[in-house]
Structure formats: C-alpha cells, structure tokens
Protein backbone atom coordinates (compact mmCIF):
# COMPACT_ATOMS: atom_id res chain seq x y z
CA MET A 1 0.00 0.00 0.00
CA THR A 2 1.29 3.41 -0.98
CA SER A 3 1.63 5.97 1.82
CA LEU A 4 0.10 9.43 1.69
CA ALA A 5 3.61 10.94 1.67
CA GLU A 6 4.49 8.88 -1.42
CA LEU A 7 1.23 9.88 -3.15
CA ARG A 8 1.94 13.52 -2.41
CA GLU A 9 5.46 13.23 -3.82
CA ARG A 10 4.03 11.61 -6.97
CA PHE A 11 1.49 14.44 -7.23
CA LEU A 12 4.27 17.03 -6.92
CA ALA A 13 6.39 15.15 -9.47
CA THR A 14 3.59 15.44 -12.04
CA SER A 15 2.94 19.09 -11.19
CA THR A 16 4.26 21.80 -13.41
CA ILE A 17 4.64 25.56 -13.60
CA SER A 18 2.60 25.58 -16.81
CA MET A 19 -0.79 26.07 -15.12
CA PRO A 20 0.26 29.05 -12.98
CA LEU A 21 2.20 30.50 -15.90
CA ALA A 22 -0.90 30.18 -18.12
CA GLY A 23 -2.99 31.76 -15.35
CA LEU A 24 -0.56 34.66 -15.09
CA ILE A 25 -0.77 35.25 -18.84
CA VAL A 26 -4.57 35.02 -19.01
CA TRP A 27 -5.22 37.27 -16.00
CA SER A 28 -2.65 39.82 -17.20
CA VAL A 29 -4.30 39.99 -20.63
CA LEU A 30 -7.74 40.31 -19.02
CA GLY A 31 -6.48 43.12 -16.77
CA MET A 32 -5.11 45.03 -19.74
CA ALA A 33 -8.29 44.43 -21.75
CA ALA A 34 -10.30 45.82 -18.83
CA LEU A 35 -8.71 49.21 -19.50
CA PHE A 36 -10.28 49.35 -22.98
CA VAL A 37 -13.31 47.06 -23.05
CA PRO A 38 -16.76 47.95 -21.64
CA LYS A 39 -17.27 46.77 -18.04
CA ALA A 40 -20.10 44.38 -18.90
CA LEU A 41 -17.93 42.60 -21.44
CA VAL A 42 -14.98 42.36 -19.04
CA GLY A 43 -17.20 40.58 -16.50
CA TRP A 44 -18.18 37.93 -19.04
CA MET A 45 -14.63 37.71 -20.34
CA ALA A 46 -13.54 36.75 -16.82
CA VAL A 47 -15.88 33.77 -16.94
CA TYR A 48 -14.88 32.62 -20.41
CA VAL A 49 -11.12 33.17 -20.28
CA MET A 50 -10.87 30.69 -17.43
CA ALA A 51 -11.43 28.03 -20.08
CA ALA A 52 -8.29 29.29 -21.87
CA ILE A 53 -5.94 28.50 -18.99
CA LEU A 54 -5.92 24.72 -19.38
CA PRO A 55 -5.29 24.60 -23.17
CA LEU A 56 -2.65 27.31 -22.80
CA ALA A 57 -0.96 25.28 -20.05
CA PHE A 58 -1.03 22.21 -22.32
CA ALA A 59 0.60 24.25 -25.10
CA ILE A 60 3.28 25.48 -22.68
CA GLU A 61 3.90 21.86 -21.62
CA LYS A 62 4.31 20.81 -25.26
CA LEU A 63 6.76 23.69 -25.84
CA ARG A 64 8.72 22.46 -22.82
CA GLY A 65 8.86 18.97 -24.36
CA ARG A 66 6.50 17.37 -21.85
CA ASN A 67 3.39 15.30 -22.48
CA PRO A 68 0.40 17.00 -20.79
CA PHE A 69 -1.87 13.97 -21.25
CA VAL A 70 -0.16 11.50 -18.92
CA LYS A 71 -2.68 9.15 -17.29
CA ASP A 72 -2.41 9.33 -13.53
CA ASP A 73 -4.25 7.03 -11.14
CA ASN A 74 -3.01 8.91 -8.08
CA PRO A 75 -5.98 9.56 -5.75
CA VAL A 76 -4.41 12.89 -4.71
CA SER A 77 -4.44 14.00 -8.36
CA LYS A 78 -8.02 12.79 -8.74
CA LEU A 79 -9.09 14.78 -5.67
CA PHE A 80 -7.38 17.87 -7.06
CA PHE A 81 -9.18 17.58 -10.41
CA GLN A 82 -12.51 16.88 -8.72
CA SER A 83 -12.08 20.06 -6.67
CA ILE A 84 -11.92 22.00 -9.95
CA ILE A 85 -15.36 20.64 -10.80
CA GLY A 86 -16.62 21.73 -7.37
CA ILE A 87 -15.31 25.24 -7.91
CA GLY A 88 -16.90 25.35 -11.36
CA LEU A 89 -20.25 24.52 -9.81
CA MET A 90 -20.07 27.82 -7.89
CA PHE A 91 -19.77 30.02 -11.00
CA PRO A 92 -23.56 30.30 -11.54
CA LEU A 93 -23.84 31.75 -8.02
CA VAL A 94 -21.32 34.47 -8.88
CA ILE A 95 -23.04 35.15 -12.20
CA GLY A 96 -26.38 35.49 -10.40
CA ALA A 97 -24.92 37.81 -7.76
CA ALA A 98 -23.36 40.07 -10.40
CA ASP A 99 -26.62 40.09 -12.35
CA ALA A 100 -28.71 40.87 -9.25
CA ALA A 101 -26.34 43.69 -8.28
CA GLY A 102 -26.08 44.97 -11.84
CA ASN A 103 -22.33 45.14 -11.33
CA PRO A 104 -20.02 43.20 -13.69
CA ASP A 105 -17.05 43.87 -11.38
CA ILE A 106 -18.62 41.37 -8.98
CA LEU A 107 -18.27 38.79 -11.74
CA VAL A 108 -14.55 39.55 -12.08
CA LEU A 109 -14.15 39.47 -8.28
CA GLY A 110 -16.04 36.21 -7.89
CA VAL A 111 -14.22 34.42 -10.67
CA ALA A 112 -10.86 35.65 -9.36
CA ILE A 113 -11.56 34.31 -5.89
CA LEU A 114 -13.21 31.05 -6.96
CA ALA A 115 -10.43 30.24 -9.42
CA GLY A 116 -7.91 30.87 -6.64
CA ILE A 117 -9.51 28.28 -4.38
CA VAL A 118 -7.96 25.53 -6.53
CA TRP A 119 -4.66 26.41 -4.88
CA ILE A 120 -5.90 24.97 -1.58
CA PRO A 121 -6.18 21.35 -2.79
CA TYR A 122 -3.04 21.86 -4.88
CA GLY A 123 -1.10 22.93 -1.78
CA TRP A 124 -2.45 20.03 0.25
CA GLY A 125 -1.68 17.55 -2.53
CA ALA A 126 1.85 18.86 -3.05
CA ASN A 127 2.39 19.28 0.70
CA ASP A 128 3.25 22.89 -0.08
CA PRO A 129 2.07 25.82 2.08
CA VAL A 130 2.19 28.13 -0.96
CA GLY A 131 -1.21 26.77 -2.03
CA LEU A 132 -3.11 28.00 1.03
CA ARG A 133 -1.10 31.23 1.11
CA HIS A 134 -1.89 31.90 -2.54
CA ALA A 135 -5.62 31.35 -2.03
CA ILE A 136 -5.81 33.54 1.08
CA LEU A 137 -3.60 36.37 -0.20
CA ARG A 138 -5.41 36.33 -3.53
CA ALA A 139 -8.86 36.49 -1.94
CA VAL A 140 -7.94 39.22 0.54
CA GLY A 141 -6.11 41.20 -2.15
CA CYS A 142 -9.04 40.90 -4.57
CA TYR A 143 -11.52 42.05 -1.93
CA LEU A 144 -9.30 45.03 -1.12
CA ALA A 145 -8.89 45.85 -4.82
CA TYR A 146 -12.66 45.70 -5.25
CA TRP A 147 -13.35 47.95 -2.26
CA LEU A 148 -10.49 50.43 -2.61
CA SER A 149 -9.96 50.85 -6.36
CA PRO A 150 -11.55 53.60 -8.42
CA ASP A 151 -14.61 52.30 -10.26
CA ASP A 152 -13.03 52.59 -13.71
CA LEU A 153 -9.94 50.61 -12.61
CA ARG A 154 -11.59 48.04 -10.35
CA ALA A 155 -11.46 45.07 -12.75
CA THR A 156 -7.88 45.86 -13.77
CA CYS A 157 -6.80 46.07 -10.12
CA ILE A 158 -8.46 42.74 -9.31
CA CYS A 159 -6.65 41.16 -12.27
CA ALA A 160 -3.37 42.71 -11.10
CA VAL A 161 -3.80 41.10 -7.67
CA VAL A 162 -4.38 37.72 -9.32
CA ALA A 163 -1.35 38.16 -11.58
CA LEU A 164 0.83 39.10 -8.60
CA SER A 165 -0.46 36.04 -6.74
CA TYR A 166 0.72 33.88 -9.61
CA VAL A 167 4.14 35.56 -9.60
CA TYR A 168 4.45 34.83 -5.86
CA SER A 169 3.46 31.20 -6.39
CA LEU A 170 5.76 30.64 -9.35
CA VAL A 171 8.67 31.81 -7.22
CA ALA A 172 7.69 30.16 -3.94
CA MET A 173 6.09 26.83 -4.89
CA ARG A 174 7.90 23.55 -4.36
CA LYS A 175 9.41 22.22 -7.55
CA PRO A 176 9.45 18.53 -8.48
CA ALA A 177 12.73 16.79 -7.70
C-alpha cells in the first residue's frame, strides 16, 4: 500500500509551472483588456477566459517537451481535479450575484476568488504551504482591490492582484525533484 507521503510526492512530481504560468498570462491579458473594453464585457470575459488556462498550459507543456496527457491514477491527483469541478459549480452563483447587483465587477471578483480556491487542494496535494497562502492572499487582495480601487480601474486592479499572486506562487512553490 502506498503511503500518503508517497502519493503527495508523486502528485508534486507530475505538477508543473505551466498552469500558474498560463494563469498569469490570461489574468494579465484580461487586466489590460479591462482598460479598454466595456465593463459588462470584461465581466463575461472573466468567466470565459478561465477556459483558456488549461489549453494554454497544455501548449506550454508541449513547448517544454512534456506530455500534458499523462494518465495518472493517483488519488491525490483525482481529488485535485474533482475540486476544480466543485469550484466550477459555484460560477452560476457568482453570475447570479453580479446580475442581481447589476455590477459586472462582482463577476470579475467572484471568478478571481473562486479560481484561486484551486490552490488549496493543490497545496495540500503537493504538501506545499504556498497553495493555502496563494488562495488567502489572492482572496484578501481581490476584496481590497474591489473595495479600494476607483470604479473605472476596479477590474484591472483585481486582475493585477491575481497576476501578482501567480508571480508569488511561481517563485515560492515547491518544484518537483
């Protein structure tokens, strides 16, 4: 029987910087677009660009000479991927809240925080405290950006917090041996 420590090491060994790098790129582009695109469109862009992170990460993996489609029966990996589904199930709640408030910045805020929650199971799976730190710092930073930013820069500031969270994680996260 494989120990939890061994499963975590296997999970870390199959982890890569491609996902956070793709997230950094996508959130940076969204933040820049928010300077020029109408607010309502930026809110919906936040929802839809999340789907771009995974294919972009796969492309980055291919460019790095790695196969992104490796089959993994590790239960830690399965739990991580199932948590992504759980987070996705919360998106309609954020969409409804933004619609009820008539404020597309709530959509950007909600997506930024929900998408950051995936770092909690990642950190647990990799036995890396950066996961929980990323999720907490990202959420607190996004809330502060939402509350303290000027209305016309709110979405861009939220995106900047997310991008900075990715920079922190790329530097601080444990790397596979």
